[in-house]
C-alpha cells in the first residue's frame, strides 16, 4: 500500500468519517471516530497529504492496528468505494482494564480462519505463549468464536469447554446475560406493569458491570485505611495556584496522583500485574484517574509517566484528558496503559470508601473528603486540623498486608510533607 496508512489504535466500531477521500489533511487532524469500550475515540491523520482511499464503513468492527484508509502525498487519487472489513475483536488491547464480554453459544472447539490458523486476538495469543497454553484446547467466546484474553486467562487444563445451553422458554422477558458478562439467577424475571420502567443497559454500563464482577470474583482484595493531615498540602496548593490562569491551576487530585506515582517508585511490587503463574512488573508508572461522566458512567484516563512528569505539565494534561472524557471525545492514549489507579470522591462529602481494583492492576487508592476536625496536638491540647482518609485496595495474590500498610504510610508522608512532590 502506497502512502501513509490511517490505522486504528484500539479495538472498536467505526462511528463516522470526519474527512472524505480527496480531502487534504495535516498530521494530527481528526479524520474519524470509533466507539471503544467506554468512550468515543478520535482517529488522527498520521501524515500531511490528501486522503486517497477509505477502506472501512461506519458500523464496521475494527481491531487495533487495522488500516482503514490511506493518505497520499499529492493530489487526491481516485478513491475506491469503501470496502467493508467485518473484522470483529472484543475490546481488550486498548481497554483500561477488564475482560471481554462473553457470548452465549460459544463453540466447543477453536474456530479457524481461512488459512487454517486458530482465530485469536494478539493479546490472547501473547498470554497463551507466556503461560504455555495450547490454543487448540481453548474455546473462543469472542465474535465468530475468536479466542480473547478472558478465554485464555480463565482456561483450566483438562476442563472441556462446553457451549451454553439455550434458556428455557418463558412467558416473561429474560435478562440478557451476555452483554454484561453476568448471568442472573434463573428464577429472576423482569418485573412488568405500569409501576416499573425498563431501561436498556448501554455499552458503558455493560462494560463496568463485566469488569467489576470479574474483579470482585477473581481478585482477592484487602484494604488498608489511614488518616492524613492535609493542612500543608492545601497550603502548598494555594501558593502554587496564586496568579495562575484557571487552566493552569493544580488540583488536589493532581497532587494525589503525583504522590501515588512517587510511592510506587518505592514499592514497585504494587506496580505489577498478576498473570496466573507469573507477575509482570511494569517499569513505567502510569496512573489511572477515575472520572465521573455526565451520563453517570465511569472512565479512567491515564497520567502517563506520572512519577517523571513535572507537576504543572501533568496537571495541564490531566485537565485536557478529563475534559475530553466528559465530552465523550477521548484519544486512545488517554485511556491506555494504566498500571495503578486512583479514585477520588472528595468533592462529594465522603468520609472514606473502598474502591474496586481495575484488572489486571494490583491496587487502587480511594480518597475521601478533606474535613476540618478536632485534633489532639503534640502538646496535648485540642485544636482544629484538616484531615483526609485514604484507603488502598490491594490484590492479595501480588502483595500482603504489611506492604500495603507501608505503601500507604509512605503515601501519607509525602502528602504531609508535600514539598517533596515538587522535587
Protein backbone atom coordinates (compact mmCIF):
# COMPACT_ATOMS: atom_id res chain seq x y z
CA UNK A 1 0.00 0.00 0.00
CA UNK A 2 1.48 3.33 -1.10
CA UNK A 3 1.09 6.42 1.01
CA UNK A 4 0.70 6.73 4.76
CA UNK A 5 -1.85 4.37 6.32
CA UNK A 6 -4.62 5.54 8.64
CA UNK A 7 -4.65 2.97 11.42
CA UNK A 8 -6.84 2.21 14.40
CA UNK A 9 -5.03 2.39 17.74
CA UNK A 10 -7.56 0.34 19.70
CA UNK A 11 -10.46 -2.03 19.12
CA UNK A 12 -13.87 -0.52 18.46
CA UNK A 13 -16.62 0.26 15.97
CA UNK A 14 -16.27 2.92 13.28
CA UNK A 15 -18.85 5.61 14.04
CA UNK A 16 -18.23 8.04 11.21
CA UNK A 17 -15.70 9.62 8.91
CA UNK A 18 -14.97 13.31 9.53
CA UNK A 19 -12.92 13.53 6.33
CA UNK A 20 -13.57 12.01 2.94
CA UNK A 21 -11.45 10.73 0.07
CA UNK A 22 -9.91 13.73 -1.69
CA UNK A 23 -9.78 15.91 1.43
CA UNK A 24 -6.46 17.50 2.36
CA UNK A 25 -5.33 16.80 5.92
CA UNK A 26 -2.46 17.64 8.23
CA UNK A 27 -0.81 15.29 10.65
CA UNK A 28 -2.89 15.19 13.83
CA UNK A 29 -6.18 16.16 12.17
CA UNK A 30 -9.10 14.06 13.39
CA UNK A 31 -10.32 12.03 10.41
CA UNK A 32 -12.68 9.53 12.04
CA UNK A 33 -14.30 8.49 15.31
CA UNK A 34 -14.59 4.98 16.71
CA UNK A 35 -16.62 3.74 19.65
CA UNK A 36 -14.36 1.84 22.02
CA UNK A 37 -15.19 0.20 25.36
CA UNK A 38 -16.33 3.26 27.24
CA UNK A 39 -15.92 6.28 25.01
CA UNK A 40 -15.70 7.75 21.56
CA UNK A 41 -12.06 7.72 20.42
CA UNK A 42 -10.68 10.00 17.75
CA UNK A 43 -8.55 8.65 14.89
CA UNK A 44 -5.90 11.10 13.73
CA UNK A 45 -4.14 11.58 10.41
CA UNK A 46 -0.63 10.13 10.52
CA UNK A 47 0.86 12.50 7.93
CA UNK A 48 0.23 15.60 5.84
CA UNK A 49 -1.36 14.93 2.47
CA UNK A 50 -4.61 14.05 0.75
CA UNK A 51 -6.84 11.11 1.70
CA UNK A 52 -6.59 8.76 -1.26
CA UNK A 53 -8.72 5.87 -0.03
CA UNK A 54 -11.12 4.78 2.72
CA UNK A 55 -11.40 1.05 3.38
CA UNK A 56 -13.95 0.81 6.17
CA UNK A 57 -17.58 1.82 6.57
CA UNK A 58 -19.41 3.28 9.58
CA UNK A 59 -20.64 0.38 11.68
CA UNK A 60 -17.65 -1.84 10.89
CA UNK A 61 -15.97 -3.55 13.83
CA UNK A 62 -12.26 -2.75 13.85
CA UNK A 63 -9.23 -4.17 15.57
CA UNK A 64 -6.13 -2.48 16.91
CA UNK A 65 -3.64 -1.78 14.12
CA UNK A 66 -6.18 -2.22 11.33
CA UNK A 67 -5.67 0.06 8.31
CA UNK A 68 -8.87 1.92 7.46
CA UNK A 69 -7.57 4.40 4.91
CA UNK A 70 -4.56 5.88 3.12
CA UNK A 71 -3.08 9.36 2.90
CA UNK A 72 -1.25 10.18 -0.31
CA UNK A 73 1.42 12.84 -0.66
CA UNK A 74 -0.01 14.67 -3.67
CA UNK A 75 -3.35 15.29 -5.31
CA UNK A 76 -6.21 13.03 -4.43
CA UNK A 77 -6.08 9.61 -6.00
CA UNK A 78 -9.15 8.02 -7.41
CA UNK A 79 -10.73 6.75 -4.25
CA UNK A 80 -12.26 3.30 -4.40
CA UNK A 81 -15.61 2.76 -2.79
CA UNK A 82 -15.27 1.93 0.88
CA UNK A 83 -14.84 -1.77 1.44
CA UNK A 84 -16.48 -3.26 4.48
CA UNK A 85 -13.99 -5.22 6.57
CA UNK A 86 -16.02 -7.16 9.15
CA UNK A 87 -13.10 -7.82 11.45
CA UNK A 88 -14.53 -8.14 14.95
CA UNK A 89 -12.49 -8.41 18.11
CA UNK A 90 -13.75 -7.98 21.67
CA UNK A 91 -12.24 -4.75 23.00
CA UNK A 92 -9.21 -5.55 25.09
CA UNK A 93 -5.93 -4.27 23.68
CA UNK A 94 -6.71 -0.64 24.42
CA UNK A 95 -9.06 -1.18 27.35
CA UNK A 96 -8.02 0.35 30.68
CA UNK A 97 -8.82 -2.99 32.28
CA UNK A 98 -11.08 -5.98 32.44
CA UNK A 99 -12.04 -8.83 30.15
CA UNK A 100 -14.21 -9.08 27.07
CA UNK A 101 -17.89 -9.87 27.49
CA UNK A 102 -18.78 -13.49 26.87
CA UNK A 103 -21.46 -14.58 24.40
CA UNK A 104 -23.92 -17.46 24.66
CA UNK A 105 -23.44 -20.49 22.47
CA UNK A 106 -19.63 -20.35 22.32
CA UNK A 107 -18.38 -23.16 20.07
CA UNK A 108 -16.78 -26.12 21.87
CA UNK A 109 -13.71 -26.07 19.62
CA UNK A 110 -11.45 -23.30 18.31
CA UNK A 111 -12.67 -21.55 15.19
CA UNK A 112 -10.11 -21.29 12.41
CA UNK A 113 -9.62 -18.68 9.71
CA UNK A 114 -9.44 -19.46 6.01
CA UNK A 115 -5.72 -20.24 6.30
CA UNK A 116 -6.40 -22.88 8.97
CA UNK A 117 -4.97 -20.89 11.89
CA UNK A 118 -6.87 -20.54 15.14
CA UNK A 119 -8.77 -17.25 15.35
CA UNK A 120 -7.25 -15.47 18.33
CA UNK A 121 -6.62 -11.87 19.37
CA UNK A 122 -2.95 -10.77 19.55
CA UNK A 123 -3.16 -10.18 23.31
CA UNK A 124 -4.75 -13.58 23.94
CA UNK A 125 -2.04 -15.26 21.84
CA UNK A 126 0.68 -13.46 23.80
CA UNK A 127 -0.77 -14.52 27.17
CA UNK A 128 -1.15 -18.09 25.93
CA UNK A 129 2.51 -18.16 24.88
CA UNK A 130 3.59 -16.79 28.27
CA UNK A 131 1.61 -19.45 30.11
CA UNK A 132 2.35 -22.34 27.75
CA UNK A 133 -1.34 -22.84 26.86
CA UNK A 134 -2.26 -24.80 23.73
CA UNK A 135 -4.76 -22.60 21.90
CA UNK A 136 -6.25 -25.69 20.23
CA UNK A 137 -7.68 -26.60 23.65
CA UNK A 138 -9.24 -23.19 24.32
CA UNK A 139 -12.83 -22.32 23.45
CA UNK A 140 -13.31 -18.87 21.98
CA UNK A 141 -16.12 -16.69 23.29
CA UNK A 142 -15.44 -13.64 21.14
CA UNK A 143 -17.32 -12.69 17.98
CA UNK A 144 -17.22 -15.50 15.45
CA UNK A 145 -15.68 -17.85 18.03
CA UNK A 146 -12.48 -15.83 18.29
CA UNK A 147 -10.31 -16.55 21.35
CA UNK A 148 -9.95 -13.42 23.51
CA UNK A 149 -8.00 -12.60 26.64
CA UNK A 150 -10.69 -13.78 29.05
CA UNK A 151 -10.75 -17.24 27.45
CA UNK A 152 -7.02 -17.70 27.97
CA UNK A 153 -6.95 -16.27 31.49
CA UNK A 154 -9.88 -18.50 32.58
CA UNK A 155 -8.61 -21.62 30.82
CA UNK A 156 -8.32 -24.71 33.04
CA UNK A 157 -6.21 -27.57 31.57
CA UNK A 158 -8.27 -30.71 31.20
CA UNK A 159 -11.59 -28.91 31.56
CA UNK A 160 -13.66 -29.36 28.44
CA UNK A 161 -15.29 -26.19 27.28
CA UNK A 162 -18.99 -26.55 26.63
CA UNK A 163 -21.46 -24.36 24.81
CA UNK A 164 -24.03 -22.60 26.96
CA UNK A 165 -27.40 -24.35 26.83
CA UNK A 166 -30.24 -22.25 25.49
CA UNK A 167 -32.55 -20.81 28.12
CA UNK A 168 -35.92 -22.45 28.63
CA UNK A 169 -38.87 -20.67 27.10
CA UNK A 170 -40.61 -18.26 29.41
CA UNK A 171 -43.64 -16.06 29.13
CA UNK A 172 -41.75 -13.20 30.79
CA UNK A 173 -38.83 -11.46 29.05
CA UNK A 174 -35.45 -12.73 30.23
CA UNK A 175 -32.49 -10.60 31.18
CA UNK A 176 -29.80 -10.94 28.52
CA UNK A 177 -26.61 -12.01 30.36
CA UNK A 178 -24.12 -11.98 27.50
CA UNK A 179 -23.69 -8.25 27.11
CA UNK A 180 -22.60 -7.62 30.68
CA UNK A 181 -20.93 -10.95 31.32
CA UNK A 182 -23.29 -11.54 34.24
CA UNK A 183 -25.77 -14.39 34.35
CA UNK A 184 -28.76 -13.66 36.59
CA UNK A 185 -30.37 -16.43 38.67
CA UNK A 186 -32.76 -18.50 36.51
CA UNK A 187 -35.71 -17.50 38.70
CA UNK A 188 -35.14 -13.76 38.29
CA UNK A 189 -37.55 -12.32 35.77
CA UNK A 190 -38.13 -8.77 34.67
CA UNK A 191 -40.97 -7.10 36.55
CA UNK A 192 -43.82 -5.89 34.37
CA UNK A 193 -46.55 -3.31 34.62
CA UNK A 194 -47.10 0.41 34.97
CA UNK A 195 -45.14 0.63 38.22
CA UNK A 196 -41.75 -0.05 36.61
CA UNK A 197 -39.68 1.36 33.78
CA UNK A 198 -37.41 -0.98 31.83
CA UNK A 199 -34.14 0.73 30.87
CA UNK A 200 -31.79 -0.79 28.33
CA UNK A 201 -28.21 -1.00 29.57
CA UNK A 202 -25.74 0.98 27.47
CA UNK A 203 -22.35 -0.29 26.38
CA UNK A 204 -20.51 1.60 29.10
CA UNK A 205 -22.66 0.22 31.91
CA UNK A 206 -22.34 -3.29 30.45
CA UNK A 207 -18.59 -2.90 30.45
CA UNK A 208 -18.48 -1.56 34.00
CA UNK A 209 -20.67 -4.47 35.14
CA UNK A 210 -18.45 -7.05 33.46
CA UNK A 211 -15.17 -5.58 34.75
CA UNK A 212 -16.31 -5.07 38.35
CA UNK A 213 -17.80 -8.56 38.57
CA UNK A 214 -14.59 -10.01 37.20
CA UNK A 215 -12.55 -8.02 39.70
CA UNK A 216 -14.60 -8.94 42.76
CA UNK A 217 -14.83 -12.59 41.79
CA UNK A 218 -11.27 -13.16 40.60
CA UNK A 219 -9.19 -10.63 42.56
CA UNK A 220 -8.84 -11.20 46.34
CA UNK A 221 -8.95 -7.64 47.69
CA UNK A 222 -7.65 -6.49 51.05
CA UNK A 223 -7.95 -2.93 52.35
CA UNK A 224 -5.88 -0.56 54.48
CA UNK A 225 -7.12 2.88 55.61
CA UNK A 226 -5.16 5.80 57.03
CA UNK A 227 -5.99 9.37 58.06
CA UNK A 228 -3.77 12.07 56.58
CA UNK A 229 -3.06 15.60 57.78
CA UNK A 230 -3.53 17.69 54.63
CA UNK A 231 -3.07 21.17 56.11
CA UNK A 232 0.35 21.60 54.48
CA UNK A 233 -0.90 20.09 51.22
CA UNK A 234 -3.77 22.56 50.94
CA UNK A 235 -1.48 25.47 51.80
CA UNK A 236 1.04 24.40 49.15
CA UNK A 237 -1.68 24.14 46.52
CA UNK A 238 -2.90 27.62 47.38
CA UNK A 239 0.61 29.03 46.99
CA UNK A 240 1.23 27.22 43.71
CA UNK A 241 -2.02 28.47 42.20
CA UNK A 242 -1.63 32.13 43.15
CA UNK A 243 -1.65 34.22 39.99
CA UNK A 244 -2.18 31.25 37.65
CA UNK A 245 -4.88 31.11 34.99
CA UNK A 246 -7.69 28.64 35.66
CA UNK A 247 -6.44 26.16 33.05
CA UNK A 248 -3.01 26.12 34.72
CA UNK A 249 -4.16 25.55 38.28
CA UNK A 250 -3.21 22.40 40.14
CA UNK A 251 -5.92 20.37 41.83
CA UNK A 252 -5.71 18.30 45.00
CA UNK A 253 -6.20 15.29 42.77
CA UNK A 254 -3.08 16.18 40.74
CA UNK A 255 -1.09 16.17 43.98
CA UNK A 256 -2.61 12.81 44.94
CA UNK A 257 -1.69 11.33 41.55
CA UNK A 258 1.88 12.59 41.90
CA UNK A 259 2.17 11.19 45.44
CA UNK A 260 0.80 7.83 44.26
CA UNK A 261 3.35 7.65 41.44
CA UNK A 262 6.30 8.58 43.66
CA UNK A 263 5.20 6.00 46.23
CA UNK A 264 5.11 3.32 43.53
CA UNK A 265 8.79 4.08 42.88
CA UNK A 266 9.47 2.93 46.44
CA UNK A 267 7.08 -0.04 46.24
CA UNK A 268 7.34 -1.28 42.64
CA UNK A 269 5.73 -4.60 43.55
CA UNK A 270 2.38 -2.80 43.58
CA UNK A 271 3.08 -1.59 40.04
CA UNK A 272 2.80 -5.23 38.97
CA UNK A 273 0.00 -7.22 37.34
CA UNK A 274 -0.89 -10.84 38.14
CA UNK A 275 -0.97 -13.39 35.30
CA UNK A 276 -1.59 -16.80 36.81
CA UNK A 277 1.81 -18.33 37.49
CA UNK A 278 3.70 -15.12 36.68
CA UNK A 279 3.76 -11.49 37.76
CA UNK A 280 4.51 -8.72 35.27
CA UNK A 281 6.26 -5.75 36.88
CA UNK A 282 5.90 -2.53 34.92
CA UNK A 283 8.86 -0.18 34.66
CA UNK A 284 6.71 2.79 33.69
CA UNK A 285 4.34 4.29 36.26
CA UNK A 286 1.05 5.24 34.60
CA UNK A 287 -1.70 6.29 36.98
CA UNK A 288 -5.35 5.74 36.08
CA UNK A 289 -7.62 8.57 37.25
CA UNK A 290 -11.30 7.74 37.74
CA UNK A 291 -13.53 10.29 36.00
CA UNK A 292 -17.27 10.51 36.69
CA UNK A 293 -19.10 11.18 33.42
CA UNK A 294 -22.25 13.26 32.86
CA UNK A 295 -24.31 10.17 31.98
CA UNK A 296 -23.40 8.52 35.30
CA UNK A 297 -20.71 6.42 33.68
CA UNK A 298 -17.10 5.97 34.73
CA UNK A 299 -13.87 6.19 32.76
CA UNK A 300 -10.21 6.04 33.74
CA UNK A 301 -7.90 8.47 32.00
CA UNK A 302 -4.21 7.75 32.36
CA UNK A 303 -1.42 10.05 33.58
CA UNK A 304 1.50 8.53 31.68
CA UNK A 305 4.87 8.51 33.48
CA UNK A 306 3.32 10.42 36.36
CA UNK A 307 6.44 9.96 38.52
CA UNK A 308 8.63 11.75 35.96
CA UNK A 309 6.37 14.44 34.52
CA UNK A 310 6.58 17.89 36.10
CA UNK A 311 3.58 18.61 38.30
CA UNK A 312 2.39 21.61 36.28
CA UNK A 313 2.66 19.79 32.95
CA UNK A 314 0.90 16.74 34.35
CA UNK A 315 -1.90 18.89 35.80
CA UNK A 316 -2.48 20.58 32.43
CA UNK A 317 -2.60 17.25 30.61
CA UNK A 318 -4.92 15.77 33.23
CA UNK A 319 -7.35 18.66 32.71
CA UNK A 320 -7.32 18.11 28.95
CA UNK A 321 -7.93 14.37 29.26
CA UNK A 322 -10.72 14.77 31.83
CA UNK A 323 -12.43 17.38 29.63
CA UNK A 324 -12.25 15.07 26.60
CA UNK A 325 -13.59 12.18 28.68
CA UNK A 326 -16.60 14.20 29.84
CA UNK A 327 -17.24 15.33 26.27
CA UNK A 328 -17.00 11.73 25.04
CA UNK A 329 -14.07 12.56 22.74
CA UNK A 330 -11.05 10.84 24.25
CA UNK A 331 -7.90 9.92 22.40
CA UNK A 332 -6.64 6.35 22.52
CA UNK A 333 -3.61 7.32 24.60
CA UNK A 334 -5.91 9.00 27.15
CA UNK A 335 -7.30 5.68 28.33
CA UNK A 336 -4.48 3.21 27.64
CA UNK A 337 -1.74 1.69 29.74
CA UNK A 338 -2.71 2.29 33.39
CA UNK A 339 -0.53 0.33 35.82
CA UNK A 340 -2.21 1.51 39.07
CA UNK A 341 -5.24 3.73 39.74
CA UNK A 342 -6.77 6.39 41.96
CA UNK A 343 -10.38 7.22 42.72
CA UNK A 344 -11.21 10.50 44.44
CA UNK A 345 -14.69 11.14 45.87
CA UNK A 346 -13.52 14.15 47.84
CA UNK A 347 -15.91 16.58 46.10
CA UNK A 348 -18.91 14.54 47.31
CA UNK A 349 -18.55 14.89 51.10
CA UNK A 350 -17.40 11.29 51.58
CA UNK A 351 -15.67 10.21 54.79
CA UNK A 352 -13.93 7.22 53.19
CA UNK A 353 -14.66 4.31 50.86
CA UNK A 354 -13.06 1.23 49.31
CA UNK A 355 -12.58 1.13 45.55
CA UNK A 356 -12.70 -1.93 43.30
CA UNK A 357 -9.39 -2.79 41.64
CA UNK A 358 -9.38 -2.39 37.86
CA UNK A 359 -7.97 -5.67 36.47
CA UNK A 360 -5.24 -6.56 35.77
CA UNK A 361 -3.88 -3.85 38.08
CA UNK A 362 -2.86 -4.79 41.61
CA UNK A 363 -4.14 -1.78 43.51
CA UNK A 364 -6.15 1.41 43.70
CA UNK A 365 -6.22 4.27 46.21
CA UNK A 366 -9.61 5.67 47.25
CA UNK A 367 -9.65 9.24 48.54
CA UNK A 368 -12.30 10.76 50.81
CA UNK A 369 -13.12 14.39 51.58
CA UNK A 370 -10.69 16.67 53.44
CA UNK A 371 -12.53 17.95 56.53
CA UNK A 372 -11.85 20.19 59.47
CA UNK A 373 -11.93 18.01 62.59
CA UNK A 374 -10.90 18.32 66.24
CA UNK A 375 -7.37 17.01 66.78
CA UNK A 376 -5.05 16.50 69.73
CA UNK A 377 -1.86 18.47 69.20
CA UNK A 378 1.63 17.28 70.13
CA UNK A 379 1.49 19.23 73.39
CA UNK A 380 -1.74 17.50 74.39
CA UNK A 381 -4.04 20.45 73.74
CA UNK A 382 -7.09 20.34 71.48
CA UNK A 383 -7.12 22.10 68.15
CA UNK A 384 -8.64 22.01 64.67
CA UNK A 385 -6.97 20.31 61.73
CA UNK A 386 -7.64 19.30 58.13
CA UNK A 387 -7.80 15.54 57.78
CA UNK A 388 -8.46 13.26 54.83
CA UNK A 389 -8.84 9.47 54.78
CA UNK A 390 -7.29 7.27 52.12
CA UNK A 391 -7.94 3.57 51.59
CA UNK A 392 -5.78 1.33 49.44
CA UNK A 393 -7.25 -1.80 47.87
CA UNK A 394 -4.59 -4.41 47.07
CA UNK A 395 -4.59 -7.70 45.16
CA UNK A 396 -3.57 -10.26 47.78
CA UNK A 397 -2.09 -12.51 45.08
CA UNK A 398 0.59 -9.88 44.48
CA UNK A 399 1.12 -8.31 47.88
CA UNK A 400 0.33 -8.68 51.58
CA UNK A 401 -1.00 -6.52 54.38
CA UNK A 402 2.36 -5.26 55.64
CA UNK A 403 3.43 -3.99 52.22
CA UNK A 404 0.04 -2.39 51.66
CA UNK A 405 0.36 -0.59 55.01
CA UNK A 406 3.93 0.52 54.24
CA UNK A 407 2.82 1.84 50.86
CA UNK A 408 0.04 3.87 52.46
CA UNK A 409 2.43 5.11 55.17
CA UNK A 410 4.86 6.44 52.53
CA UNK A 411 1.96 7.98 50.59
CA UNK A 412 0.82 9.73 53.77
CA UNK A 413 4.32 11.05 54.49
CA UNK A 414 4.53 12.59 51.03
CA UNK A 415 1.20 14.38 51.39
CA UNK A 416 2.07 15.63 54.88
CA UNK A 417 5.42 16.99 53.67
CA UNK A 418 4.27 17.97 50.16
CA UNK A 419 7.33 19.98 49.06
CA UNK A 420 8.82 16.61 48.11
CA UNK A 421 6.21 16.33 45.37
CA UNK A 422 7.95 19.18 43.57
CA UNK A 423 11.42 17.64 43.50
